[in-house]
């Protein structure tokens, strides 16, 4: 099963999924909602018209299965840079706070 890490960006939860191969995936809907985009699926579909969406199965806060669209770090940065809202603060947060914490998690896992 996938492991979910939840990070706080201002008032918004941003979930990052770690799969069985220790790859990290950002939940696209969370990225969009953190920037007040009303239709996350449309935004992601318009950005990657030819790409096959990637999905991961995770548990929500109530323990129910939830199928979420996920993005690589590169896709996450591409998504936030395509938005018409100021995203510098979010991009800085992802690169300087979230990614180092995820790297630390991987390092600890590799030591165990």
Protein backbone atom coordinates (compact mmCIF):
# COMPACT_ATOMS: atom_id res chain seq x y z
CA UNK A 1 0.00 0.00 0.00
CA UNK A 2 1.09 3.56 -0.61
CA UNK A 3 2.23 5.77 2.26
CA UNK A 4 0.81 9.30 2.48
CA UNK A 5 2.64 12.27 3.98
CA UNK A 6 0.63 15.43 4.59
CA UNK A 7 2.29 18.83 4.56
CA UNK A 8 0.72 22.17 5.44
CA UNK A 9 0.96 25.04 2.98
CA UNK A 10 -0.73 27.99 4.63
CA UNK A 11 -4.25 26.62 5.37
CA UNK A 12 -4.10 23.73 2.91
CA UNK A 13 -3.13 20.09 3.22
CA UNK A 14 -0.83 18.97 0.44
CA UNK A 15 -0.45 15.21 0.30
CA UNK A 16 2.57 13.42 -1.07
CA UNK A 17 2.28 9.71 -1.81
CA UNK A 18 5.23 7.34 -1.55
CA UNK A 19 4.72 4.19 -3.60
CA UNK A 20 6.19 0.73 -3.11
CA UNK A 21 9.32 1.70 -5.07
CA UNK A 22 9.90 4.74 -2.79
CA UNK A 23 8.91 7.21 -5.50
CA UNK A 24 7.19 10.39 -4.36
CA UNK A 25 4.03 11.67 -6.04
CA UNK A 26 2.22 14.94 -5.29
CA UNK A 27 -1.59 14.85 -5.22
CA UNK A 28 -2.56 17.16 -8.09
CA UNK A 29 -5.91 18.15 -6.61
CA UNK A 30 -4.20 19.40 -3.44
CA UNK A 31 -1.82 21.58 -5.49
CA UNK A 32 -4.73 23.12 -7.38
CA UNK A 33 -6.90 23.67 -4.30
CA UNK A 34 -4.00 25.33 -2.48
CA UNK A 35 -4.18 27.93 -5.25
CA UNK A 36 -7.99 28.25 -5.25
CA UNK A 37 -8.44 26.62 -8.66
CA UNK A 38 -12.04 25.48 -8.93
CA UNK A 39 -11.63 22.61 -11.40
CA UNK A 40 -8.37 20.74 -10.74
CA UNK A 41 -9.09 17.92 -13.19
CA UNK A 42 -9.66 20.33 -16.07
CA UNK A 43 -6.49 22.27 -15.25
CA UNK A 44 -4.40 19.10 -15.20
CA UNK A 45 -6.06 17.70 -18.34
CA UNK A 46 -5.49 20.92 -20.26
CA UNK A 47 -1.84 21.02 -19.25
CA UNK A 48 -1.08 17.44 -20.29
CA UNK A 49 -3.48 16.69 -23.15
CA UNK A 50 -1.49 13.71 -24.45
CA UNK A 51 -0.25 12.31 -21.14
CA UNK A 52 -1.93 9.34 -19.53
CA UNK A 53 -2.93 10.42 -16.00
CA UNK A 54 -1.25 8.55 -13.18
CA UNK A 55 -3.36 7.53 -10.20
CA UNK A 56 -2.56 6.06 -6.80
CA UNK A 57 -4.85 4.44 -4.27
CA UNK A 58 -4.60 6.00 -0.81
CA UNK A 59 -6.66 6.07 2.39
CA UNK A 60 -8.44 9.28 3.29
CA UNK A 61 -8.70 10.62 6.85
CA UNK A 62 -11.69 8.36 7.50
CA UNK A 63 -9.88 5.23 6.29
CA UNK A 64 -11.74 4.96 2.98
CA UNK A 65 -9.95 4.13 -0.26
CA UNK A 66 -9.46 7.12 -2.52
CA UNK A 67 -8.10 7.09 -6.07
CA UNK A 68 -6.12 10.30 -6.60
CA UNK A 69 -4.35 11.77 -9.60
CA UNK A 70 -0.67 12.15 -8.81
CA UNK A 71 2.18 14.17 -10.27
CA UNK A 72 5.94 13.84 -10.28
CA UNK A 73 7.99 16.71 -8.87
CA UNK A 74 8.64 17.93 -12.41
CA UNK A 75 4.92 17.83 -13.26
CA UNK A 76 4.12 19.60 -9.98
CA UNK A 77 6.52 22.44 -10.81
CA UNK A 78 5.14 22.62 -14.36
CA UNK A 79 1.60 22.81 -12.99
CA UNK A 80 2.32 25.58 -10.52
CA UNK A 81 4.27 27.56 -13.10
CA UNK A 82 1.29 27.37 -15.49
CA UNK A 83 -1.06 29.03 -13.01
CA UNK A 84 -2.09 32.64 -13.36
CA UNK A 85 -1.68 33.29 -9.67
CA UNK A 86 1.52 34.13 -7.78
CA UNK A 87 3.17 30.80 -7.04
CA UNK A 88 6.73 31.72 -6.07
CA UNK A 89 6.03 31.18 -2.39
CA UNK A 90 4.56 27.71 -3.09
CA UNK A 91 7.40 26.69 -5.39
CA UNK A 92 9.93 27.84 -2.79
CA UNK A 93 8.05 25.83 -0.13
CA UNK A 94 8.07 22.64 -2.25
CA UNK A 95 11.75 22.88 -3.16
CA UNK A 96 13.12 24.11 0.16
CA UNK A 97 10.85 22.51 2.76
CA UNK A 98 8.96 19.53 1.36
CA UNK A 99 11.67 17.93 -0.77
CA UNK A 100 14.35 18.01 1.97
CA UNK A 101 11.89 16.36 4.39
CA UNK A 102 11.07 13.66 1.84
CA UNK A 103 14.76 13.09 1.22
CA UNK A 104 15.27 12.72 4.97
CA UNK A 105 12.48 10.11 5.09
CA UNK A 106 14.19 8.11 2.33
CA UNK A 107 17.54 8.33 4.08
CA UNK A 108 16.06 7.01 7.33
CA UNK A 109 14.29 4.20 5.49
CA UNK A 110 17.51 3.16 3.74
CA UNK A 111 19.34 2.98 7.08
CA UNK A 112 16.73 0.64 8.59
